[in-house]
Amino acid sequence: MIYQFRILKGLIYPKRSFFQLEKAETVYGLHPKIWLLFLISALVFGISGFVGIGSHVFSSKLTEVPNEEFEWLKIYFVSGRLILGFLYAALIIFFQALWFWTLTDVPYTKLVALQAFVFPIFLFEQVVNIVLAAQMNLPWFSSPFSMGPAAQHMTEKPFLIYFLGCISLFKIWAISIQLYGLRILSSRSPVTSFFITLGMHVIFWLGTAILALLDFNKIL
């Protein structure tokens, strides 16, 4: 059986899509869709760089450079955000699929397809964070769709604020689809699949919180 890969179909009709994917011997059309997701991811991160998100790392030094050098710095920064967009897509689609492949009995290609289904959710969250930052000057960990604002009322510890700020409605949406997909694709028990999925996301949240704590002005 050949499965025709369609991203929107997987998000709108996950039950039908995962059952068809589980029976499929070949997944057709996966690679072009993944390239498209990579390009969209780079575009989203490039736009975030264009509007200045993340430029606080060196913003204190911008007043010290001449105009010509300032324009080159902007180009370098946006280029870096484009590369970050490709890296982000690779981590979500390929690395998370590798995590699942290591701990389950599902073929790697089908796990890549699963991740390609959920990746638009992560991109949509990035777009929402860009809008919030540009229109309301809210950093990602203060998004009203995350636990960040609640964390800021409960504690002043930056690490906990950043960590809880990673937990959002979008992440819960993505996790629920991943769990549903693993329940159909894998023979692992629902409890085992839950801890496999949650463990992976906790590692990502911890990594994000640690990176947010780093003072890149001193490192650079």
N, C-alpha and C. Protein backbone atom coordinates (compact mmCIF):
# COMPACT_ATOMS: atom_id res chain seq x y z
N MET A 1 0.84 -1.20 0.00
CA MET A 1 0.00 0.00 0.00
C MET A 1 0.88 1.25 0.00
N ILE A 2 0.51 2.22 -0.84
CA ILE A 2 1.24 3.49 -0.92
C ILE A 2 0.41 4.57 -0.23
N TYR A 3 1.06 5.32 0.67
CA TYR A 3 0.39 6.40 1.38
C TYR A 3 0.82 7.73 0.77
N GLN A 4 -0.16 8.52 0.32
CA GLN A 4 0.12 9.85 -0.23
C GLN A 4 0.17 10.84 0.92
N PHE A 5 1.35 11.37 1.18
CA PHE A 5 1.54 12.23 2.35
C PHE A 5 0.95 13.62 2.10
N ARG A 6 0.05 14.05 3.01
CA ARG A 6 -0.52 15.39 2.97
C ARG A 6 -0.56 15.94 4.39
N ILE A 7 0.09 17.09 4.59
CA ILE A 7 0.24 17.64 5.93
C ILE A 7 -1.11 18.05 6.53
N LEU A 8 -1.89 18.83 5.79
CA LEU A 8 -3.16 19.32 6.33
C LEU A 8 -4.12 18.17 6.61
N LYS A 9 -4.09 17.17 5.77
CA LYS A 9 -4.95 16.01 5.98
C LYS A 9 -4.59 15.32 7.29
N GLY A 10 -3.29 15.27 7.60
CA GLY A 10 -2.86 14.65 8.84
C GLY A 10 -3.30 15.42 10.06
N LEU A 11 -3.36 16.76 9.95
CA LEU A 11 -3.78 17.57 11.09
C LEU A 11 -5.30 17.58 11.26
N ILE A 12 -6.03 17.56 10.13
CA ILE A 12 -7.48 17.64 10.19
C ILE A 12 -8.11 16.27 10.43
N TYR A 13 -7.53 15.25 9.81
CA TYR A 13 -8.05 13.88 9.96
C TYR A 13 -6.94 12.95 10.47
N PRO A 14 -6.48 13.15 11.69
CA PRO A 14 -5.35 12.35 12.19
C PRO A 14 -5.65 10.86 12.29
N LYS A 15 -6.88 10.51 12.69
CA LYS A 15 -7.20 9.10 12.85
C LYS A 15 -7.07 8.36 11.53
N ARG A 16 -7.70 8.87 10.47
CA ARG A 16 -7.64 8.25 9.15
C ARG A 16 -6.21 8.24 8.62
N SER A 17 -5.50 9.36 8.80
CA SER A 17 -4.14 9.47 8.26
C SER A 17 -3.19 8.50 8.92
N PHE A 18 -3.26 8.36 10.24
CA PHE A 18 -2.34 7.47 10.94
C PHE A 18 -2.65 6.00 10.67
N PHE A 19 -3.92 5.67 10.52
CA PHE A 19 -4.26 4.29 10.17
C PHE A 19 -3.74 3.94 8.79
N GLN A 20 -3.88 4.87 7.83
CA GLN A 20 -3.35 4.64 6.49
C GLN A 20 -1.83 4.57 6.49
N LEU A 21 -1.20 5.43 7.30
CA LEU A 21 0.25 5.45 7.39
C LEU A 21 0.77 4.15 8.00
N GLU A 22 0.05 3.64 8.99
CA GLU A 22 0.47 2.40 9.65
C GLU A 22 0.44 1.21 8.68
N LYS A 23 -0.53 1.20 7.76
CA LYS A 23 -0.66 0.09 6.80
C LYS A 23 0.25 0.25 5.59
N ALA A 24 0.77 1.45 5.39
CA ALA A 24 1.52 1.75 4.17
C ALA A 24 2.89 1.07 4.15
N GLU A 25 3.28 0.64 2.97
CA GLU A 25 4.62 0.11 2.76
C GLU A 25 5.55 1.19 2.20
N THR A 26 4.95 2.19 1.54
CA THR A 26 5.70 3.29 0.96
C THR A 26 4.98 4.60 1.27
N VAL A 27 5.74 5.62 1.65
CA VAL A 27 5.18 6.95 1.89
C VAL A 27 5.59 7.83 0.71
N TYR A 28 4.62 8.22 -0.10
CA TYR A 28 4.88 8.98 -1.32
C TYR A 28 4.67 10.48 -1.05
N GLY A 29 5.61 11.29 -1.55
CA GLY A 29 5.46 12.74 -1.45
C GLY A 29 5.97 13.34 -0.16
N LEU A 30 6.68 12.56 0.65
CA LEU A 30 7.16 13.06 1.94
C LEU A 30 8.31 14.06 1.77
N HIS A 31 9.29 13.72 0.93
CA HIS A 31 10.47 14.56 0.81
C HIS A 31 10.17 15.98 0.31
N PRO A 32 9.35 16.15 -0.74
CA PRO A 32 9.04 17.53 -1.17
C PRO A 32 8.36 18.35 -0.07
N LYS A 33 7.48 17.71 0.71
CA LYS A 33 6.79 18.42 1.79
C LYS A 33 7.77 18.82 2.88
N ILE A 34 8.75 17.98 3.15
CA ILE A 34 9.74 18.30 4.17
C ILE A 34 10.60 19.48 3.73
N TRP A 35 10.99 19.49 2.45
CA TRP A 35 11.74 20.64 1.94
C TRP A 35 10.92 21.92 2.06
N LEU A 36 9.63 21.81 1.79
CA LEU A 36 8.75 22.98 1.91
C LEU A 36 8.68 23.46 3.36
N LEU A 37 8.60 22.53 4.29
CA LEU A 37 8.58 22.90 5.71
C LEU A 37 9.89 23.57 6.12
N PHE A 38 11.00 23.08 5.61
CA PHE A 38 12.29 23.69 5.91
C PHE A 38 12.33 25.13 5.40
N LEU A 39 11.84 25.35 4.19
CA LEU A 39 11.86 26.69 3.62
C LEU A 39 10.93 27.63 4.39
N ILE A 40 9.77 27.15 4.77
CA ILE A 40 8.84 27.98 5.55
C ILE A 40 9.44 28.31 6.91
N SER A 41 10.09 27.32 7.52
CA SER A 41 10.74 27.55 8.81
C SER A 41 11.82 28.63 8.70
N ALA A 42 12.64 28.55 7.65
CA ALA A 42 13.68 29.56 7.44
C ALA A 42 13.05 30.93 7.23
N LEU A 43 11.95 30.98 6.49
CA LEU A 43 11.26 32.25 6.24
C LEU A 43 10.73 32.84 7.54
N VAL A 44 10.10 32.01 8.37
CA VAL A 44 9.54 32.49 9.64
C VAL A 44 10.65 33.04 10.54
N PHE A 45 11.75 32.30 10.65
CA PHE A 45 12.85 32.77 11.49
C PHE A 45 13.53 33.98 10.88
N GLY A 46 13.59 34.04 9.55
CA GLY A 46 14.15 35.22 8.89
C GLY A 46 13.32 36.46 9.18
N ILE A 47 12.00 36.33 9.16
CA ILE A 47 11.12 37.45 9.48
C ILE A 47 11.32 37.88 10.93
N SER A 48 11.48 36.91 11.82
CA SER A 48 11.71 37.25 13.23
C SER A 48 13.00 38.04 13.39
N GLY A 49 14.02 37.69 12.61
CA GLY A 49 15.25 38.45 12.65
C GLY A 49 15.09 39.83 12.05
N PHE A 50 14.29 39.94 11.00
CA PHE A 50 14.06 41.22 10.34
C PHE A 50 13.38 42.21 11.27
N VAL A 51 12.46 41.72 12.11
CA VAL A 51 11.77 42.62 13.05
C VAL A 51 12.56 42.80 14.35
N GLY A 52 13.72 42.15 14.45
CA GLY A 52 14.61 42.40 15.58
C GLY A 52 14.52 41.45 16.74
N ILE A 53 13.74 40.37 16.59
CA ILE A 53 13.62 39.42 17.69
C ILE A 53 14.94 38.68 17.87
N GLY A 54 15.47 38.72 19.08
CA GLY A 54 16.74 38.09 19.38
C GLY A 54 17.94 39.01 19.25
N SER A 55 17.73 40.23 18.75
CA SER A 55 18.85 41.16 18.56
C SER A 55 19.32 41.80 19.85
N HIS A 56 18.63 41.51 20.98
CA HIS A 56 19.05 42.07 22.26
C HIS A 56 20.44 41.59 22.66
N VAL A 57 20.88 40.49 22.02
CA VAL A 57 22.21 39.94 22.35
C VAL A 57 23.30 40.97 22.10
N PHE A 58 23.19 41.75 21.01
CA PHE A 58 24.23 42.72 20.70
C PHE A 58 23.69 44.13 20.53
N SER A 59 22.41 44.38 20.92
CA SER A 59 21.79 45.68 20.70
C SER A 59 22.50 46.80 21.45
N SER A 60 23.12 46.47 22.60
CA SER A 60 23.81 47.50 23.37
C SER A 60 25.04 48.05 22.65
N LYS A 61 25.55 47.28 21.67
CA LYS A 61 26.75 47.69 20.96
C LYS A 61 26.45 48.37 19.63
N LEU A 62 25.18 48.39 19.23
CA LEU A 62 24.84 48.91 17.90
C LEU A 62 25.09 50.41 17.79
N THR A 63 24.96 51.14 18.91
CA THR A 63 25.17 52.58 18.87
C THR A 63 26.64 52.94 18.67
N GLU A 64 27.53 51.97 18.84
CA GLU A 64 28.96 52.23 18.73
C GLU A 64 29.50 52.00 17.33
N VAL A 65 28.69 51.46 16.43
CA VAL A 65 29.18 51.12 15.10
C VAL A 65 28.66 52.12 14.07
N PRO A 66 29.42 52.37 13.01
CA PRO A 66 28.96 53.26 11.94
C PRO A 66 27.79 52.65 11.17
N ASN A 67 27.10 53.48 10.39
CA ASN A 67 25.89 53.04 9.68
C ASN A 67 26.16 51.89 8.72
N GLU A 68 27.27 51.95 7.97
CA GLU A 68 27.56 50.88 7.01
C GLU A 68 27.75 49.54 7.73
N GLU A 69 28.47 49.57 8.83
CA GLU A 69 28.69 48.33 9.58
C GLU A 69 27.39 47.85 10.20
N PHE A 70 26.54 48.80 10.59
CA PHE A 70 25.24 48.44 11.17
C PHE A 70 24.39 47.67 10.16
N GLU A 71 24.38 48.11 8.90
CA GLU A 71 23.61 47.42 7.87
C GLU A 71 24.14 46.01 7.63
N TRP A 72 25.48 45.86 7.65
CA TRP A 72 26.05 44.53 7.49
C TRP A 72 25.70 43.63 8.67
N LEU A 73 25.69 44.20 9.88
CA LEU A 73 25.31 43.42 11.06
C LEU A 73 23.87 42.93 10.95
N LYS A 74 23.00 43.77 10.41
CA LYS A 74 21.61 43.37 10.22
C LYS A 74 21.52 42.20 9.24
N ILE A 75 22.29 42.27 8.16
CA ILE A 75 22.28 41.19 7.17
C ILE A 75 22.79 39.90 7.79
N TYR A 76 23.89 39.99 8.53
CA TYR A 76 24.44 38.80 9.19
C TYR A 76 23.44 38.21 10.18
N PHE A 77 22.77 39.10 10.92
CA PHE A 77 21.82 38.63 11.93
C PHE A 77 20.65 37.91 11.29
N VAL A 78 20.08 38.51 10.24
CA VAL A 78 18.96 37.88 9.55
C VAL A 78 19.40 36.57 8.91
N SER A 79 20.62 36.54 8.35
CA SER A 79 21.14 35.30 7.77
C SER A 79 21.27 34.22 8.83
N GLY A 80 21.71 34.62 10.02
CA GLY A 80 21.82 33.67 11.12
C GLY A 80 20.47 33.12 11.53
N ARG A 81 19.45 33.98 11.51
CA ARG A 81 18.10 33.52 11.84
C ARG A 81 17.57 32.56 10.78
N LEU A 82 17.93 32.80 9.51
CA LEU A 82 17.54 31.87 8.45
C LEU A 82 18.14 30.49 8.69
N ILE A 83 19.43 30.47 9.05
CA ILE A 83 20.10 29.20 9.34
C ILE A 83 19.46 28.54 10.56
N LEU A 84 19.11 29.36 11.55
CA LEU A 84 18.46 28.83 12.75
C LEU A 84 17.12 28.18 12.39
N GLY A 85 16.43 28.75 11.40
CA GLY A 85 15.17 28.17 10.95
C GLY A 85 15.35 26.78 10.38
N PHE A 86 16.42 26.59 9.59
CA PHE A 86 16.73 25.25 9.06
C PHE A 86 17.09 24.29 10.19
N LEU A 87 17.90 24.78 11.14
CA LEU A 87 18.31 23.93 12.26
C LEU A 87 17.10 23.54 13.11
N TYR A 88 16.20 24.48 13.33
CA TYR A 88 15.00 24.21 14.12
C TYR A 88 14.15 23.12 13.46
N ALA A 89 13.98 23.23 12.15
CA ALA A 89 13.21 22.22 11.43
C ALA A 89 13.88 20.85 11.52
N ALA A 90 15.21 20.82 11.40
CA ALA A 90 15.93 19.55 11.48
C ALA A 90 15.78 18.91 12.86
N LEU A 91 15.83 19.73 13.91
CA LEU A 91 15.70 19.20 15.27
C LEU A 91 14.31 18.61 15.50
N ILE A 92 13.29 19.34 15.08
CA ILE A 92 11.92 18.89 15.33
C ILE A 92 11.57 17.68 14.46
N ILE A 93 11.90 17.75 13.18
CA ILE A 93 11.48 16.68 12.25
C ILE A 93 12.38 15.45 12.35
N PHE A 94 13.69 15.65 12.25
CA PHE A 94 14.59 14.51 12.16
C PHE A 94 15.09 14.01 13.52
N PHE A 95 15.49 14.94 14.40
CA PHE A 95 16.01 14.49 15.69
C PHE A 95 14.92 13.88 16.55
N GLN A 96 13.76 14.52 16.62
CA GLN A 96 12.68 13.94 17.42
C GLN A 96 12.22 12.61 16.83
N ALA A 97 12.20 12.51 15.51
CA ALA A 97 11.87 11.22 14.87
C ALA A 97 12.91 10.17 15.24
N LEU A 98 14.19 10.55 15.32
CA LEU A 98 15.25 9.63 15.72
C LEU A 98 15.06 9.16 17.16
N TRP A 99 14.63 10.09 18.02
CA TRP A 99 14.34 9.74 19.42
C TRP A 99 13.26 8.67 19.48
N PHE A 100 12.16 8.90 18.75
CA PHE A 100 11.07 7.93 18.73
C PHE A 100 11.53 6.59 18.14
N TRP A 101 12.32 6.66 17.07
CA TRP A 101 12.79 5.44 16.42
C TRP A 101 13.64 4.60 17.35
N THR A 102 14.46 5.28 18.17
CA THR A 102 15.33 4.57 19.11
C THR A 102 14.54 3.85 20.19
N LEU A 103 13.41 4.42 20.59
CA LEU A 103 12.67 3.90 21.75
C LEU A 103 11.38 3.17 21.38
N THR A 104 11.06 3.11 20.09
CA THR A 104 9.85 2.40 19.67
C THR A 104 10.20 1.41 18.56
N ASP A 105 9.17 0.76 18.02
CA ASP A 105 9.36 -0.21 16.94
C ASP A 105 8.82 0.30 15.61
N VAL A 106 8.72 1.61 15.47
CA VAL A 106 8.13 2.21 14.27
C VAL A 106 9.25 2.53 13.27
N PRO A 107 9.06 2.25 11.97
CA PRO A 107 10.06 2.63 10.96
C PRO A 107 10.34 4.13 10.97
N TYR A 108 11.59 4.49 10.74
CA TYR A 108 12.01 5.89 10.84
C TYR A 108 11.24 6.79 9.87
N THR A 109 10.99 6.33 8.66
CA THR A 109 10.28 7.14 7.67
C THR A 109 8.89 7.53 8.17
N LYS A 110 8.21 6.61 8.80
CA LYS A 110 6.87 6.91 9.30
C LYS A 110 6.92 7.90 10.47
N LEU A 111 7.99 7.83 11.26
CA LEU A 111 8.15 8.78 12.35
C LEU A 111 8.49 10.17 11.82
N VAL A 112 9.25 10.23 10.75
CA VAL A 112 9.50 11.52 10.10
C VAL A 112 8.18 12.11 9.59
N ALA A 113 7.33 11.25 9.03
CA ALA A 113 6.02 11.71 8.57
C ALA A 113 5.20 12.23 9.75
N LEU A 114 5.25 11.54 10.88
CA LEU A 114 4.55 12.00 12.08
C LEU A 114 5.03 13.38 12.49
N GLN A 115 6.34 13.58 12.49
CA GLN A 115 6.89 14.88 12.88
C GLN A 115 6.56 15.97 11.86
N ALA A 116 6.48 15.59 10.60
CA ALA A 116 6.09 16.56 9.57
C ALA A 116 4.64 17.00 9.75
N PHE A 117 3.82 16.12 10.32
CA PHE A 117 2.44 16.50 10.62
C PHE A 117 2.38 17.58 11.69
N VAL A 118 3.19 17.42 12.74
CA VAL A 118 3.10 18.32 13.89
C VAL A 118 3.95 19.57 13.74
N PHE A 119 4.93 19.56 12.84
CA PHE A 119 5.84 20.71 12.73
C PHE A 119 5.13 22.03 12.42
N PRO A 120 4.08 22.04 11.57
CA PRO A 120 3.37 23.31 11.36
C PRO A 120 2.82 23.92 12.64
N ILE A 121 2.52 23.11 13.65
CA ILE A 121 2.05 23.64 14.92
C ILE A 121 3.16 24.45 15.58
N PHE A 122 4.38 23.92 15.56
CA PHE A 122 5.52 24.63 16.12
C PHE A 122 5.78 25.94 15.36
N LEU A 123 5.64 25.88 14.03
CA LEU A 123 5.83 27.09 13.23
C LEU A 123 4.75 28.12 13.52
N PHE A 124 3.52 27.66 13.70
CA PHE A 124 2.43 28.58 14.02
C PHE A 124 2.70 29.28 15.35
N GLU A 125 3.23 28.54 16.30
CA GLU A 125 3.60 29.16 17.59
C GLU A 125 4.67 30.22 17.39
N GLN A 126 5.65 29.95 16.53
CA GLN A 126 6.68 30.95 16.24
C GLN A 126 6.08 32.21 15.65
N VAL A 127 5.11 32.05 14.74
CA VAL A 127 4.46 33.20 14.12
C VAL A 127 3.70 34.01 15.18
N VAL A 128 2.98 33.32 16.05
CA VAL A 128 2.25 34.00 17.14
C VAL A 128 3.23 34.77 18.02
N ASN A 129 4.37 34.16 18.35
CA ASN A 129 5.36 34.84 19.19
C ASN A 129 5.94 36.07 18.50
N ILE A 130 6.11 36.00 17.17
CA ILE A 130 6.60 37.16 16.42
C ILE A 130 5.59 38.29 16.51
N VAL A 131 4.32 37.98 16.32
CA VAL A 131 3.26 39.01 16.38
C VAL A 131 3.20 39.62 17.78
N LEU A 132 3.27 38.78 18.81
CA LEU A 132 3.22 39.29 20.19
C LEU A 132 4.42 40.18 20.49
N ALA A 133 5.59 39.79 19.99
CA ALA A 133 6.80 40.58 20.23
C ALA A 133 6.75 41.91 19.48
N ALA A 134 6.28 41.86 18.23
CA ALA A 134 6.26 43.06 17.40
C ALA A 134 5.16 44.04 17.81
N GLN A 135 3.98 43.52 18.18
CA GLN A 135 2.84 44.38 18.48
C GLN A 135 2.71 44.74 19.96
N MET A 136 3.13 43.83 20.84
CA MET A 136 2.93 44.05 22.28
C MET A 136 4.22 44.01 23.08
N ASN A 137 5.35 43.84 22.38
CA ASN A 137 6.66 43.80 23.03
C ASN A 137 6.75 42.70 24.08
N LEU A 138 6.12 41.56 23.81
CA LEU A 138 6.12 40.43 24.73
C LEU A 138 7.16 39.41 24.28
N PRO A 139 8.10 39.04 25.15
CA PRO A 139 9.04 37.97 24.79
C PRO A 139 8.32 36.63 24.77
N TRP A 140 8.95 35.64 24.18
CA TRP A 140 8.28 34.34 23.99
C TRP A 140 7.84 33.72 25.31
N PHE A 141 8.61 33.93 26.38
CA PHE A 141 8.26 33.30 27.65
C PHE A 141 7.14 34.04 28.39
N SER A 142 6.67 35.14 27.81
CA SER A 142 5.53 35.87 28.37
C SER A 142 4.27 35.70 27.54
N SER A 143 4.31 34.78 26.58
CA SER A 143 3.14 34.54 25.73
C SER A 143 1.94 34.13 26.58
N PRO A 144 0.77 34.71 26.33
CA PRO A 144 -0.43 34.33 27.08
C PRO A 144 -0.87 32.90 26.79
N PHE A 145 -0.29 32.29 25.76
CA PHE A 145 -0.63 30.90 25.42
C PHE A 145 0.29 29.90 26.13
N SER A 146 1.19 30.40 26.97
CA SER A 146 2.13 29.54 27.68
C SER A 146 1.94 29.69 29.19
N MET A 147 2.72 28.91 29.94
CA MET A 147 2.70 28.99 31.40
C MET A 147 3.67 30.04 31.93
N GLY A 148 4.32 30.76 31.01
CA GLY A 148 5.30 31.77 31.41
C GLY A 148 4.73 32.86 32.30
N PRO A 149 3.59 33.49 31.92
CA PRO A 149 3.03 34.53 32.79
C PRO A 149 2.69 34.03 34.18
N ALA A 150 2.14 32.82 34.29
CA ALA A 150 1.84 32.25 35.60
C ALA A 150 3.13 32.03 36.39
N ALA A 151 4.18 31.57 35.70
CA ALA A 151 5.45 31.34 36.37
C ALA A 151 6.03 32.64 36.91
N GLN A 152 5.84 33.73 36.18
CA GLN A 152 6.37 35.02 36.63
C GLN A 152 5.66 35.53 37.87
N HIS A 153 4.43 35.08 38.10
CA HIS A 153 3.71 35.44 39.32
C HIS A 153 4.10 34.54 40.49
N MET A 154 4.58 33.33 40.18
CA MET A 154 4.90 32.37 41.23
C MET A 154 6.35 32.46 41.70
N THR A 155 7.26 32.87 40.79
CA THR A 155 8.68 32.85 41.14
C THR A 155 9.42 33.95 40.39
N GLU A 156 10.60 34.28 40.91
CA GLU A 156 11.47 35.23 40.24
C GLU A 156 12.70 34.54 39.64
N LYS A 157 12.74 33.22 39.74
CA LYS A 157 13.88 32.47 39.21
C LYS A 157 13.77 32.39 37.68
N PRO A 158 14.72 32.98 36.97
CA PRO A 158 14.65 33.01 35.50
C PRO A 158 14.55 31.63 34.87
N PHE A 159 15.29 30.66 35.42
CA PHE A 159 15.29 29.33 34.81
C PHE A 159 13.89 28.73 34.82
N LEU A 160 13.18 28.83 35.93
CA LEU A 160 11.83 28.28 36.02
C LEU A 160 10.88 29.04 35.11
N ILE A 161 11.07 30.34 34.99
CA ILE A 161 10.22 31.14 34.10
C ILE A 161 10.41 30.72 32.65
N TYR A 162 11.66 30.54 32.25
CA TYR A 162 11.94 30.13 30.88
C TYR A 162 11.43 28.71 30.62
N PHE A 163 11.66 27.82 31.60
CA PHE A 163 11.24 26.43 31.43
C PHE A 163 9.72 26.33 31.30
N LEU A 164 9.00 26.97 32.22
CA LEU A 164 7.53 26.92 32.16
C LEU A 164 7.00 27.70 30.97
N GLY A 165 7.77 28.71 30.52
CA GLY A 165 7.37 29.46 29.33
C GLY A 165 7.40 28.62 28.07
N CYS A 166 8.17 27.52 28.10
CA CYS A 166 8.21 26.60 26.96
C CYS A 166 6.94 25.78 26.85
N ILE A 167 6.23 25.62 27.96
CA ILE A 167 5.02 24.79 27.97
C ILE A 167 3.84 25.65 27.54
N SER A 168 3.31 25.37 26.38
CA SER A 168 2.25 26.20 25.81
C SER A 168 1.12 25.33 25.27
N LEU A 169 0.03 25.98 24.91
CA LEU A 169 -1.09 25.27 24.30
C LEU A 169 -0.68 24.62 22.98
N PHE A 170 0.23 25.27 22.26
CA PHE A 170 0.70 24.72 20.99
C PHE A 170 1.49 23.43 21.23
N LYS A 171 2.35 23.44 22.27
CA LYS A 171 3.12 22.25 22.58
C LYS A 171 2.19 21.10 23.00
N ILE A 172 1.17 21.42 23.79
CA ILE A 172 0.22 20.39 24.22
C ILE A 172 -0.52 19.83 23.02
N TRP A 173 -0.88 20.69 22.07
CA TRP A 173 -1.53 20.24 20.84
C TRP A 173 -0.62 19.28 20.08
N ALA A 174 0.66 19.67 19.92
CA ALA A 174 1.61 18.82 19.20
C ALA A 174 1.82 17.50 19.92
N ILE A 175 1.95 17.54 21.24
CA ILE A 175 2.17 16.32 22.02
C ILE A 175 0.98 15.38 21.89
N SER A 176 -0.23 15.94 21.89
CA SER A 176 -1.43 15.08 21.78
C SER A 176 -1.46 14.36 20.44
N ILE A 177 -1.04 15.02 19.36
CA ILE A 177 -1.00 14.37 18.04
C ILE A 177 0.10 13.32 18.01
N GLN A 178 1.25 13.62 18.60
CA GLN A 178 2.33 12.64 18.65
C GLN A 178 1.90 11.39 19.41
N LEU A 179 1.23 11.59 20.55
CA LEU A 179 0.76 10.45 21.34
C LEU A 179 -0.26 9.63 20.58
N TYR A 180 -1.16 10.32 19.88
CA TYR A 180 -2.18 9.62 19.11
C TYR A 180 -1.54 8.83 17.97
N GLY A 181 -0.55 9.44 17.32
CA GLY A 181 0.15 8.74 16.24
C GLY A 181 0.91 7.53 16.73
N LEU A 182 1.59 7.67 17.87
CA LEU A 182 2.35 6.53 18.41
C LEU A 182 1.42 5.41 18.86
N ARG A 183 0.24 5.77 19.34
CA ARG A 183 -0.70 4.74 19.77
C ARG A 183 -1.11 3.86 18.60
N ILE A 184 -1.18 4.44 17.40
CA ILE A 184 -1.57 3.67 16.21
C ILE A 184 -0.37 3.00 15.55
N LEU A 185 0.75 3.74 15.48
CA LEU A 185 1.90 3.24 14.74
C LEU A 185 2.75 2.26 15.54
N SER A 186 2.75 2.40 16.87
CA SER A 186 3.65 1.61 17.70
C SER A 186 2.90 0.58 18.54
N SER A 187 3.60 -0.48 18.91
CA SER A 187 3.03 -1.49 19.80
C SER A 187 3.30 -1.17 21.26
N ARG A 188 4.00 -0.06 21.53
CA ARG A 188 4.25 0.35 22.90
C ARG A 188 2.93 0.72 23.59
N SER A 189 2.88 0.54 24.89
CA SER A 189 1.69 0.88 25.65
C SER A 189 1.50 2.39 25.68
N PRO A 190 0.27 2.88 25.87
CA PRO A 190 0.04 4.33 25.94
C PRO A 190 0.87 5.00 27.02
N VAL A 191 1.05 4.33 28.16
CA VAL A 191 1.85 4.92 29.26
C VAL A 191 3.30 5.08 28.83
N THR A 192 3.85 4.03 28.19
CA THR A 192 5.23 4.09 27.72
C THR A 192 5.39 5.18 26.67
N SER A 193 4.45 5.26 25.74
CA SER A 193 4.51 6.30 24.70
C SER A 193 4.44 7.69 25.31
N PHE A 194 3.63 7.83 26.36
CA PHE A 194 3.50 9.12 27.02
C PHE A 194 4.84 9.57 27.61
N PHE A 195 5.51 8.68 28.32
CA PHE A 195 6.77 9.05 28.95
C PHE A 195 7.88 9.25 27.92
N ILE A 196 7.84 8.48 26.82
CA ILE A 196 8.82 8.68 25.75
C ILE A 196 8.65 10.07 25.14
N THR A 197 7.41 10.44 24.88
CA THR A 197 7.12 11.74 24.26
C THR A 197 7.40 12.88 25.22
N LEU A 198 6.91 12.76 26.45
CA LEU A 198 7.12 13.82 27.43
C LEU A 198 8.60 14.00 27.74
N GLY A 199 9.32 12.89 27.86
CA GLY A 199 10.75 12.98 28.15
C GLY A 199 11.50 13.76 27.09
N MET A 200 11.15 13.52 25.82
CA MET A 200 11.80 14.24 24.73
C MET A 200 11.53 15.73 24.82
N HIS A 201 10.28 16.11 25.09
CA HIS A 201 9.95 17.53 25.17
C HIS A 201 10.59 18.19 26.38
N VAL A 202 10.66 17.48 27.49
CA VAL A 202 11.31 18.04 28.68
C VAL A 202 12.77 18.36 28.39
N ILE A 203 13.44 17.47 27.65
CA ILE A 203 14.84 17.72 27.27
C ILE A 203 14.93 18.99 26.43
N PHE A 204 14.03 19.17 25.49
CA PHE A 204 14.02 20.38 24.66
C PHE A 204 13.74 21.61 25.50
N TRP A 205 12.80 21.51 26.44
CA TRP A 205 12.47 22.66 27.29
C TRP A 205 13.64 23.04 28.18
N LEU A 206 14.32 22.03 28.73
CA LEU A 206 15.49 22.29 29.56
C LEU A 206 16.58 22.97 28.74
N GLY A 207 16.80 22.47 27.52
CA GLY A 207 17.81 23.07 26.65
C GLY A 207 17.48 24.51 26.31
N THR A 208 16.21 24.78 26.03
CA THR A 208 15.78 26.14 25.71
C THR A 208 15.99 27.07 26.90
N ALA A 209 15.63 26.60 28.10
CA ALA A 209 15.79 27.41 29.31
C ALA A 209 17.25 27.71 29.59
N ILE A 210 18.11 26.72 29.39
CA ILE A 210 19.55 26.92 29.61
C ILE A 210 20.11 27.94 28.62
N LEU A 211 19.72 27.81 27.35
CA LEU A 211 20.20 28.77 26.34
C LEU A 211 19.70 30.18 26.64
N ALA A 212 18.47 30.30 27.15
CA ALA A 212 17.92 31.61 27.48
C ALA A 212 18.67 32.25 28.65
N LEU A 213 19.26 31.43 29.51
CA LEU A 213 19.99 31.95 30.67
C LEU A 213 21.38 32.45 30.30
N LEU A 214 21.93 31.94 29.21
CA LEU A 214 23.31 32.29 28.84
C LEU A 214 23.42 33.76 28.49
N ASP A 215 24.49 34.40 28.93
CA ASP A 215 24.78 35.79 28.59
C ASP A 215 25.69 35.80 27.36
N PHE A 216 25.07 35.91 26.18
CA PHE A 216 25.85 35.84 24.94
C PHE A 216 26.73 37.06 24.73
N ASN A 217 26.40 38.17 25.43
CA ASN A 217 27.29 39.34 25.34
C ASN A 217 28.68 39.01 25.88
N LYS A 218 28.73 38.23 26.97
CA LYS A 218 30.02 37.85 27.53
C LYS A 218 30.69 36.77 26.69
N ILE A 219 29.85 35.85 26.14
CA ILE A 219 30.43 34.77 25.34
C ILE A 219 31.01 35.30 24.04
N LEU A 220 30.28 36.23 23.41
CA LEU A 220 30.75 36.80 22.14
C LEU A 220 31.81 37.87 22.35
